[in-house]
Amino acid sequence: PARDVAGSHLQPQVWAVDYLEVVGLAAGLVTVAGLGLYFAADTERRRIGAAVARRLGLRTAQAAAATALEVAAIVVGGLVLGVGLSWLAARLVYDRFDPLPSTPPAPLLRFDLTMVAACTVAAVVTAVLVTLVVERRTARASLPELLRDP
């Protein structure tokens, strides 16, 4: 824990890791905001397309599955890119965080599976919530009303 290294030579390393975690959280929030903006910009086309598809016989479950697949592709792509880049960044600098570089053993680069699992759970929850919101907004519109609106 952070209180175990307070006042020691390891405190700058703890601060650096804490900073990187905050940057990662900010990147995740920007990704979610970008996902929202993506769907907000496409709302009108999506509503008309869903209404036409319903008239042509597309079931609601199929439309929801297509939306879920679209959202999942975006979120999973962001997750894979984020985990890959974070691993690469850690790989490039982890040996510089060693407070005693000339003393064995050499620093170990360990992959934190708990953090990756937490990010994966957050990505799944985000994908489900975004899919529910998008489907709720597109399923309520009727085709004649959409075509009548300017």
N, C-alpha and C. Protein backbone atom coordinates (compact mmCIF):
# COMPACT_ATOMS: atom_id res chain seq x y z
N PRO A 1 0.81 -1.21 0.00
CA PRO A 1 0.00 0.00 0.00
C PRO A 1 0.85 1.26 0.00
N ALA A 2 0.21 2.36 -0.34
CA ALA A 2 0.92 3.64 -0.46
C ALA A 2 1.46 4.09 0.87
N ARG A 3 0.78 3.79 1.98
CA ARG A 3 1.26 4.27 3.28
C ARG A 3 2.53 3.53 3.71
N ASP A 4 2.80 2.36 3.14
CA ASP A 4 4.02 1.63 3.48
C ASP A 4 5.25 2.28 2.88
N VAL A 5 5.10 3.02 1.81
CA VAL A 5 6.25 3.65 1.15
C VAL A 5 6.31 5.15 1.40
N ALA A 6 5.42 5.69 2.23
CA ALA A 6 5.39 7.13 2.49
C ALA A 6 6.73 7.56 3.08
N GLY A 7 7.34 8.54 2.45
CA GLY A 7 8.61 9.08 2.90
C GLY A 7 9.83 8.29 2.44
N SER A 8 9.63 7.19 1.72
CA SER A 8 10.77 6.40 1.27
C SER A 8 11.16 6.80 -0.16
N HIS A 9 12.18 6.13 -0.64
CA HIS A 9 12.63 6.40 -2.01
C HIS A 9 11.68 5.82 -3.05
N LEU A 10 10.75 5.01 -2.64
CA LEU A 10 9.80 4.41 -3.57
C LEU A 10 8.58 5.30 -3.83
N GLN A 11 8.43 6.36 -3.06
CA GLN A 11 7.25 7.20 -3.21
C GLN A 11 7.10 7.79 -4.62
N PRO A 12 8.16 8.27 -5.28
CA PRO A 12 7.98 8.77 -6.66
C PRO A 12 7.46 7.70 -7.62
N GLN A 13 7.87 6.45 -7.42
CA GLN A 13 7.36 5.38 -8.28
C GLN A 13 5.87 5.16 -8.03
N VAL A 14 5.45 5.22 -6.78
CA VAL A 14 4.03 5.06 -6.46
C VAL A 14 3.23 6.21 -7.07
N TRP A 15 3.77 7.42 -6.99
CA TRP A 15 3.10 8.57 -7.60
C TRP A 15 2.97 8.40 -9.11
N ALA A 16 4.02 7.89 -9.74
CA ALA A 16 3.99 7.69 -11.19
C ALA A 16 2.92 6.67 -11.57
N VAL A 17 2.82 5.58 -10.82
CA VAL A 17 1.81 4.57 -11.12
C VAL A 17 0.41 5.14 -10.87
N ASP A 18 0.24 5.89 -9.78
CA ASP A 18 -1.06 6.52 -9.51
C ASP A 18 -1.45 7.48 -10.63
N TYR A 19 -0.49 8.24 -11.10
CA TYR A 19 -0.75 9.17 -12.21
C TYR A 19 -1.19 8.43 -13.46
N LEU A 20 -0.51 7.34 -13.78
CA LEU A 20 -0.86 6.56 -14.96
C LEU A 20 -2.25 5.93 -14.82
N GLU A 21 -2.63 5.55 -13.62
CA GLU A 21 -3.98 5.02 -13.41
C GLU A 21 -5.04 6.10 -13.65
N VAL A 22 -4.76 7.32 -13.21
CA VAL A 22 -5.69 8.42 -13.44
C VAL A 22 -5.78 8.74 -14.92
N VAL A 23 -4.66 8.71 -15.62
CA VAL A 23 -4.67 8.95 -17.07
C VAL A 23 -5.48 7.85 -17.77
N GLY A 24 -5.33 6.61 -17.33
CA GLY A 24 -6.11 5.52 -17.91
C GLY A 24 -7.60 5.68 -17.66
N LEU A 25 -7.97 6.11 -16.47
CA LEU A 25 -9.38 6.36 -16.17
C LEU A 25 -9.92 7.48 -17.04
N ALA A 26 -9.15 8.54 -17.20
CA ALA A 26 -9.58 9.65 -18.06
C ALA A 26 -9.74 9.19 -19.51
N ALA A 27 -8.84 8.34 -19.98
CA ALA A 27 -8.95 7.82 -21.34
C ALA A 27 -10.21 6.97 -21.50
N GLY A 28 -10.54 6.19 -20.48
CA GLY A 28 -11.77 5.40 -20.53
C GLY A 28 -13.00 6.28 -20.57
N LEU A 29 -13.01 7.35 -19.80
CA LEU A 29 -14.16 8.26 -19.80
C LEU A 29 -14.28 8.99 -21.14
N VAL A 30 -13.16 9.34 -21.73
CA VAL A 30 -13.19 9.98 -23.06
C VAL A 30 -13.71 8.99 -24.10
N THR A 31 -13.36 7.72 -23.97
CA THR A 31 -13.86 6.71 -24.89
C THR A 31 -15.38 6.56 -24.78
N VAL A 32 -15.88 6.55 -23.56
CA VAL A 32 -17.34 6.44 -23.35
C VAL A 32 -18.03 7.69 -23.91
N ALA A 33 -17.44 8.87 -23.68
CA ALA A 33 -18.03 10.10 -24.23
C ALA A 33 -18.01 10.06 -25.76
N GLY A 34 -16.94 9.58 -26.34
CA GLY A 34 -16.87 9.45 -27.80
C GLY A 34 -17.89 8.47 -28.34
N LEU A 35 -18.13 7.39 -27.61
CA LEU A 35 -19.15 6.43 -28.01
C LEU A 35 -20.53 7.08 -27.98
N GLY A 36 -20.79 7.87 -26.95
CA GLY A 36 -22.06 8.59 -26.88
C GLY A 36 -22.22 9.58 -28.01
N LEU A 37 -21.16 10.31 -28.33
CA LEU A 37 -21.22 11.28 -29.43
C LEU A 37 -21.40 10.59 -30.77
N TYR A 38 -20.78 9.44 -30.93
CA TYR A 38 -20.93 8.67 -32.17
C TYR A 38 -22.40 8.31 -32.40
N PHE A 39 -23.04 7.80 -31.36
CA PHE A 39 -24.44 7.41 -31.51
C PHE A 39 -25.36 8.62 -31.55
N ALA A 40 -25.01 9.71 -30.88
CA ALA A 40 -25.85 10.91 -30.93
C ALA A 40 -25.82 11.52 -32.33
N ALA A 41 -24.67 11.49 -32.98
CA ALA A 41 -24.56 12.06 -34.33
C ALA A 41 -25.32 11.22 -35.35
N ASP A 42 -25.54 9.97 -35.05
CA ASP A 42 -26.17 9.04 -35.98
C ASP A 42 -27.62 8.74 -35.63
N THR A 43 -28.20 9.51 -34.70
CA THR A 43 -29.52 9.20 -34.16
C THR A 43 -30.61 9.20 -35.22
N GLU A 44 -30.68 10.23 -36.02
CA GLU A 44 -31.78 10.36 -36.98
C GLU A 44 -31.75 9.24 -38.01
N ARG A 45 -30.60 8.97 -38.56
CA ARG A 45 -30.48 7.90 -39.54
C ARG A 45 -30.83 6.55 -38.91
N ARG A 46 -30.36 6.35 -37.69
CA ARG A 46 -30.61 5.10 -36.99
C ARG A 46 -32.11 4.92 -36.70
N ARG A 47 -32.79 5.99 -36.32
CA ARG A 47 -34.23 5.90 -36.03
C ARG A 47 -35.02 5.59 -37.29
N ILE A 48 -34.71 6.26 -38.40
CA ILE A 48 -35.41 5.99 -39.66
C ILE A 48 -35.10 4.58 -40.14
N GLY A 49 -33.85 4.19 -40.05
CA GLY A 49 -33.46 2.84 -40.47
C GLY A 49 -34.16 1.76 -39.66
N ALA A 50 -34.26 1.97 -38.34
CA ALA A 50 -34.93 0.99 -37.49
C ALA A 50 -36.42 0.92 -37.80
N ALA A 51 -37.04 2.07 -38.05
CA ALA A 51 -38.48 2.08 -38.37
C ALA A 51 -38.74 1.37 -39.70
N VAL A 52 -37.90 1.62 -40.70
CA VAL A 52 -38.06 0.94 -42.00
C VAL A 52 -37.81 -0.56 -41.83
N ALA A 53 -36.81 -0.92 -41.08
CA ALA A 53 -36.51 -2.34 -40.87
C ALA A 53 -37.65 -3.05 -40.15
N ARG A 54 -38.28 -2.38 -39.19
CA ARG A 54 -39.43 -2.97 -38.51
C ARG A 54 -40.58 -3.18 -39.49
N ARG A 55 -40.80 -2.21 -40.36
CA ARG A 55 -41.87 -2.35 -41.36
C ARG A 55 -41.59 -3.49 -42.33
N LEU A 56 -40.33 -3.75 -42.59
CA LEU A 56 -39.95 -4.83 -43.50
C LEU A 56 -39.90 -6.19 -42.80
N GLY A 57 -40.14 -6.22 -41.48
CA GLY A 57 -40.22 -7.49 -40.78
C GLY A 57 -39.03 -7.85 -39.91
N LEU A 58 -38.09 -6.97 -39.72
CA LEU A 58 -36.96 -7.25 -38.85
C LEU A 58 -37.44 -7.29 -37.40
N ARG A 59 -37.12 -8.36 -36.72
CA ARG A 59 -37.54 -8.49 -35.33
C ARG A 59 -36.72 -7.58 -34.43
N THR A 60 -37.31 -7.20 -33.32
CA THR A 60 -36.64 -6.30 -32.37
C THR A 60 -35.37 -6.93 -31.83
N ALA A 61 -35.40 -8.22 -31.59
CA ALA A 61 -34.22 -8.91 -31.06
C ALA A 61 -33.06 -8.86 -32.05
N GLN A 62 -33.38 -8.97 -33.34
CA GLN A 62 -32.32 -8.90 -34.34
C GLN A 62 -31.71 -7.50 -34.41
N ALA A 63 -32.56 -6.49 -34.31
CA ALA A 63 -32.05 -5.11 -34.32
C ALA A 63 -31.20 -4.84 -33.09
N ALA A 64 -31.64 -5.33 -31.94
CA ALA A 64 -30.86 -5.15 -30.71
C ALA A 64 -29.53 -5.89 -30.80
N ALA A 65 -29.54 -7.07 -31.39
CA ALA A 65 -28.28 -7.82 -31.55
C ALA A 65 -27.31 -7.09 -32.47
N ALA A 66 -27.83 -6.48 -33.53
CA ALA A 66 -26.96 -5.71 -34.43
C ALA A 66 -26.37 -4.50 -33.72
N THR A 67 -27.18 -3.82 -32.94
CA THR A 67 -26.68 -2.67 -32.18
C THR A 67 -25.65 -3.12 -31.15
N ALA A 68 -25.94 -4.22 -30.46
CA ALA A 68 -25.00 -4.74 -29.46
C ALA A 68 -23.68 -5.12 -30.11
N LEU A 69 -23.73 -5.70 -31.28
CA LEU A 69 -22.51 -6.07 -32.00
C LEU A 69 -21.71 -4.84 -32.39
N GLU A 70 -22.40 -3.80 -32.85
CA GLU A 70 -21.72 -2.55 -33.21
C GLU A 70 -21.06 -1.91 -31.99
N VAL A 71 -21.78 -1.84 -30.89
CA VAL A 71 -21.23 -1.26 -29.66
C VAL A 71 -20.08 -2.11 -29.14
N ALA A 72 -20.26 -3.42 -29.14
CA ALA A 72 -19.20 -4.31 -28.64
C ALA A 72 -17.93 -4.20 -29.48
N ALA A 73 -18.07 -4.05 -30.78
CA ALA A 73 -16.88 -3.91 -31.63
C ALA A 73 -16.10 -2.65 -31.27
N ILE A 74 -16.81 -1.57 -31.02
CA ILE A 74 -16.14 -0.32 -30.66
C ILE A 74 -15.48 -0.44 -29.29
N VAL A 75 -16.21 -0.97 -28.32
CA VAL A 75 -15.69 -1.05 -26.95
C VAL A 75 -14.55 -2.06 -26.85
N VAL A 76 -14.70 -3.21 -27.49
CA VAL A 76 -13.64 -4.22 -27.44
C VAL A 76 -12.39 -3.72 -28.17
N GLY A 77 -12.58 -3.02 -29.27
CA GLY A 77 -11.42 -2.43 -29.96
C GLY A 77 -10.69 -1.45 -29.06
N GLY A 78 -11.43 -0.61 -28.36
CA GLY A 78 -10.81 0.32 -27.42
C GLY A 78 -10.12 -0.38 -26.27
N LEU A 79 -10.74 -1.44 -25.76
CA LEU A 79 -10.16 -2.20 -24.66
C LEU A 79 -8.86 -2.88 -25.08
N VAL A 80 -8.87 -3.53 -26.23
CA VAL A 80 -7.66 -4.21 -26.71
C VAL A 80 -6.55 -3.19 -26.99
N LEU A 81 -6.91 -2.08 -27.62
CA LEU A 81 -5.91 -1.05 -27.89
C LEU A 81 -5.36 -0.47 -26.58
N GLY A 82 -6.24 -0.20 -25.62
CA GLY A 82 -5.80 0.36 -24.35
C GLY A 82 -4.91 -0.58 -23.56
N VAL A 83 -5.30 -1.85 -23.48
CA VAL A 83 -4.49 -2.83 -22.75
C VAL A 83 -3.15 -3.03 -23.45
N GLY A 84 -3.18 -3.10 -24.77
CA GLY A 84 -1.93 -3.28 -25.51
C GLY A 84 -0.98 -2.11 -25.36
N LEU A 85 -1.51 -0.90 -25.48
CA LEU A 85 -0.65 0.28 -25.33
C LEU A 85 -0.15 0.44 -23.90
N SER A 86 -0.98 0.10 -22.92
CA SER A 86 -0.52 0.21 -21.53
C SER A 86 0.58 -0.81 -21.25
N TRP A 87 0.44 -2.00 -21.80
CA TRP A 87 1.50 -2.99 -21.61
C TRP A 87 2.79 -2.52 -22.29
N LEU A 88 2.67 -1.97 -23.49
CA LEU A 88 3.85 -1.47 -24.20
C LEU A 88 4.52 -0.34 -23.44
N ALA A 89 3.72 0.59 -22.92
CA ALA A 89 4.28 1.70 -22.15
C ALA A 89 4.98 1.19 -20.89
N ALA A 90 4.36 0.24 -20.21
CA ALA A 90 4.98 -0.32 -19.00
C ALA A 90 6.27 -1.06 -19.36
N ARG A 91 6.25 -1.76 -20.48
CA ARG A 91 7.43 -2.51 -20.91
C ARG A 91 8.61 -1.58 -21.22
N LEU A 92 8.31 -0.42 -21.76
CA LEU A 92 9.37 0.52 -22.12
C LEU A 92 10.02 1.19 -20.92
N VAL A 93 9.28 1.34 -19.81
CA VAL A 93 9.81 2.11 -18.69
C VAL A 93 9.95 1.35 -17.38
N TYR A 94 9.53 0.09 -17.32
CA TYR A 94 9.50 -0.58 -16.03
C TYR A 94 10.87 -0.72 -15.38
N ASP A 95 11.92 -0.90 -16.15
CA ASP A 95 13.25 -1.04 -15.55
C ASP A 95 13.77 0.28 -14.99
N ARG A 96 13.22 1.40 -15.42
CA ARG A 96 13.64 2.70 -14.89
C ARG A 96 12.99 3.00 -13.54
N PHE A 97 11.96 2.25 -13.18
CA PHE A 97 11.34 2.43 -11.87
C PHE A 97 12.08 1.67 -10.77
N ASP A 98 13.09 0.92 -11.12
CA ASP A 98 13.86 0.16 -10.13
C ASP A 98 14.66 1.13 -9.28
N PRO A 99 14.40 1.21 -7.96
CA PRO A 99 15.13 2.17 -7.13
C PRO A 99 16.59 1.79 -6.93
N LEU A 100 16.93 0.52 -7.09
CA LEU A 100 18.32 0.06 -6.95
C LEU A 100 18.70 -0.75 -8.18
N PRO A 101 19.00 -0.06 -9.30
CA PRO A 101 19.20 -0.80 -10.56
C PRO A 101 20.43 -1.69 -10.57
N SER A 102 21.43 -1.40 -9.75
CA SER A 102 22.64 -2.23 -9.78
C SER A 102 22.58 -3.40 -8.81
N THR A 103 21.48 -3.54 -8.08
CA THR A 103 21.35 -4.61 -7.11
C THR A 103 20.40 -5.68 -7.65
N PRO A 104 20.83 -6.95 -7.64
CA PRO A 104 19.93 -8.01 -8.09
C PRO A 104 18.77 -8.14 -7.11
N PRO A 105 17.71 -8.69 -7.50
CA PRO A 105 17.33 -9.22 -8.80
C PRO A 105 16.87 -8.12 -9.74
N ALA A 106 16.79 -8.47 -11.01
CA ALA A 106 16.31 -7.52 -12.01
C ALA A 106 14.81 -7.30 -11.79
N PRO A 107 14.31 -6.14 -12.20
CA PRO A 107 12.86 -5.88 -12.01
C PRO A 107 12.02 -6.84 -12.85
N LEU A 108 10.87 -7.19 -12.29
CA LEU A 108 9.94 -8.09 -12.97
C LEU A 108 8.81 -7.29 -13.59
N LEU A 109 8.44 -7.64 -14.80
CA LEU A 109 7.27 -7.03 -15.44
C LEU A 109 6.14 -8.04 -15.32
N ARG A 110 5.18 -7.71 -14.46
CA ARG A 110 4.04 -8.61 -14.25
C ARG A 110 2.80 -7.96 -14.83
N PHE A 111 1.98 -8.78 -15.42
CA PHE A 111 0.73 -8.33 -16.04
C PHE A 111 -0.37 -8.42 -14.99
N ASP A 112 -1.01 -7.29 -14.68
CA ASP A 112 -2.03 -7.25 -13.64
C ASP A 112 -3.36 -7.71 -14.23
N LEU A 113 -3.64 -8.99 -14.08
CA LEU A 113 -4.87 -9.55 -14.64
C LEU A 113 -6.11 -9.03 -13.92
N THR A 114 -5.97 -8.64 -12.66
CA THR A 114 -7.12 -8.10 -11.93
C THR A 114 -7.57 -6.78 -12.56
N MET A 115 -6.62 -5.93 -12.90
CA MET A 115 -6.97 -4.65 -13.52
C MET A 115 -7.55 -4.85 -14.92
N VAL A 116 -7.00 -5.78 -15.67
CA VAL A 116 -7.55 -6.07 -17.00
C VAL A 116 -8.96 -6.63 -16.87
N ALA A 117 -9.19 -7.49 -15.87
CA ALA A 117 -10.52 -8.03 -15.66
C ALA A 117 -11.50 -6.93 -15.26
N ALA A 118 -11.06 -6.01 -14.41
CA ALA A 118 -11.93 -4.88 -14.02
C ALA A 118 -12.26 -4.01 -15.23
N CYS A 119 -11.29 -3.77 -16.09
CA CYS A 119 -11.53 -2.99 -17.30
C CYS A 119 -12.48 -3.73 -18.25
N THR A 120 -12.33 -5.04 -18.32
CA THR A 120 -13.22 -5.83 -19.17
C THR A 120 -14.65 -5.80 -18.66
N VAL A 121 -14.82 -5.91 -17.35
CA VAL A 121 -16.16 -5.83 -16.77
C VAL A 121 -16.77 -4.45 -17.03
N ALA A 122 -15.96 -3.40 -16.86
CA ALA A 122 -16.45 -2.05 -17.14
C ALA A 122 -16.83 -1.89 -18.60
N ALA A 123 -16.07 -2.49 -19.51
CA ALA A 123 -16.38 -2.41 -20.94
C ALA A 123 -17.68 -3.15 -21.25
N VAL A 124 -17.89 -4.30 -20.64
CA VAL A 124 -19.13 -5.06 -20.88
C VAL A 124 -20.33 -4.29 -20.34
N VAL A 125 -20.22 -3.75 -19.14
CA VAL A 125 -21.32 -2.97 -18.56
C VAL A 125 -21.62 -1.76 -19.43
N THR A 126 -20.58 -1.07 -19.90
CA THR A 126 -20.77 0.08 -20.78
C THR A 126 -21.47 -0.33 -22.07
N ALA A 127 -21.04 -1.43 -22.66
CA ALA A 127 -21.65 -1.89 -23.91
C ALA A 127 -23.12 -2.23 -23.72
N VAL A 128 -23.46 -2.88 -22.63
CA VAL A 128 -24.85 -3.24 -22.37
C VAL A 128 -25.70 -1.98 -22.16
N LEU A 129 -25.20 -1.05 -21.36
CA LEU A 129 -25.95 0.18 -21.09
C LEU A 129 -26.15 1.01 -22.36
N VAL A 130 -25.10 1.15 -23.15
CA VAL A 130 -25.22 1.93 -24.39
C VAL A 130 -26.19 1.25 -25.34
N THR A 131 -26.14 -0.07 -25.44
CA THR A 131 -27.07 -0.79 -26.31
C THR A 131 -28.51 -0.59 -25.86
N LEU A 132 -28.75 -0.67 -24.56
CA LEU A 132 -30.11 -0.46 -24.05
C LEU A 132 -30.61 0.95 -24.34
N VAL A 133 -29.76 1.94 -24.13
CA VAL A 133 -30.17 3.33 -24.38
C VAL A 133 -30.44 3.55 -25.86
N VAL A 134 -29.56 3.08 -26.72
CA VAL A 134 -29.73 3.28 -28.16
C VAL A 134 -30.98 2.57 -28.66
N GLU A 135 -31.19 1.34 -28.22
CA GLU A 135 -32.37 0.60 -28.66
C GLU A 135 -33.66 1.22 -28.13
N ARG A 136 -33.62 1.74 -26.94
CA ARG A 136 -34.82 2.38 -26.39
C ARG A 136 -35.18 3.63 -27.19
N ARG A 137 -34.16 4.38 -27.59
CA ARG A 137 -34.42 5.60 -28.35
C ARG A 137 -34.86 5.33 -29.78
N THR A 138 -34.40 4.26 -30.37
CA THR A 138 -34.76 3.98 -31.76
C THR A 138 -36.05 3.19 -31.89
N ALA A 139 -36.43 2.44 -30.89
CA ALA A 139 -37.60 1.56 -31.00
C ALA A 139 -38.92 2.31 -30.88
N ARG A 140 -38.92 3.51 -30.33
CA ARG A 140 -40.18 4.21 -30.07
C ARG A 140 -40.70 4.99 -31.27
N ALA A 141 -39.88 5.26 -32.24
CA ALA A 141 -40.30 6.14 -33.35
C ALA A 141 -41.12 5.37 -34.36
N SER A 142 -42.16 6.04 -34.88
CA SER A 142 -42.96 5.44 -35.95
C SER A 142 -42.50 6.02 -37.29
N LEU A 143 -42.59 5.22 -38.30
CA LEU A 143 -42.09 5.61 -39.62
C LEU A 143 -42.84 6.84 -40.19
N PRO A 144 -44.18 6.90 -40.16
CA PRO A 144 -44.84 8.09 -40.71
C PRO A 144 -44.43 9.39 -40.01
N GLU A 145 -44.28 9.34 -38.69
CA GLU A 145 -43.87 10.54 -37.97
C GLU A 145 -42.45 10.95 -38.35
N LEU A 146 -41.56 9.98 -38.51
CA LEU A 146 -40.17 10.30 -38.87
C LEU A 146 -40.08 10.88 -40.26
N LEU A 147 -40.89 10.35 -41.18
CA LEU A 147 -40.84 10.86 -42.56
C LEU A 147 -41.51 12.21 -42.69
N ARG A 148 -42.45 12.52 -41.81
CA ARG A 148 -43.15 13.81 -41.84
C ARG A 148 -42.28 14.93 -41.25
N ASP A 149 -41.48 14.62 -40.25
CA ASP A 149 -40.64 15.64 -39.61
C ASP A 149 -39.59 16.14 -40.58
N PRO A 150 -39.35 17.47 -40.59
CA PRO A 150 -38.33 18.01 -41.51
C PRO A 150 -36.93 17.69 -41.09
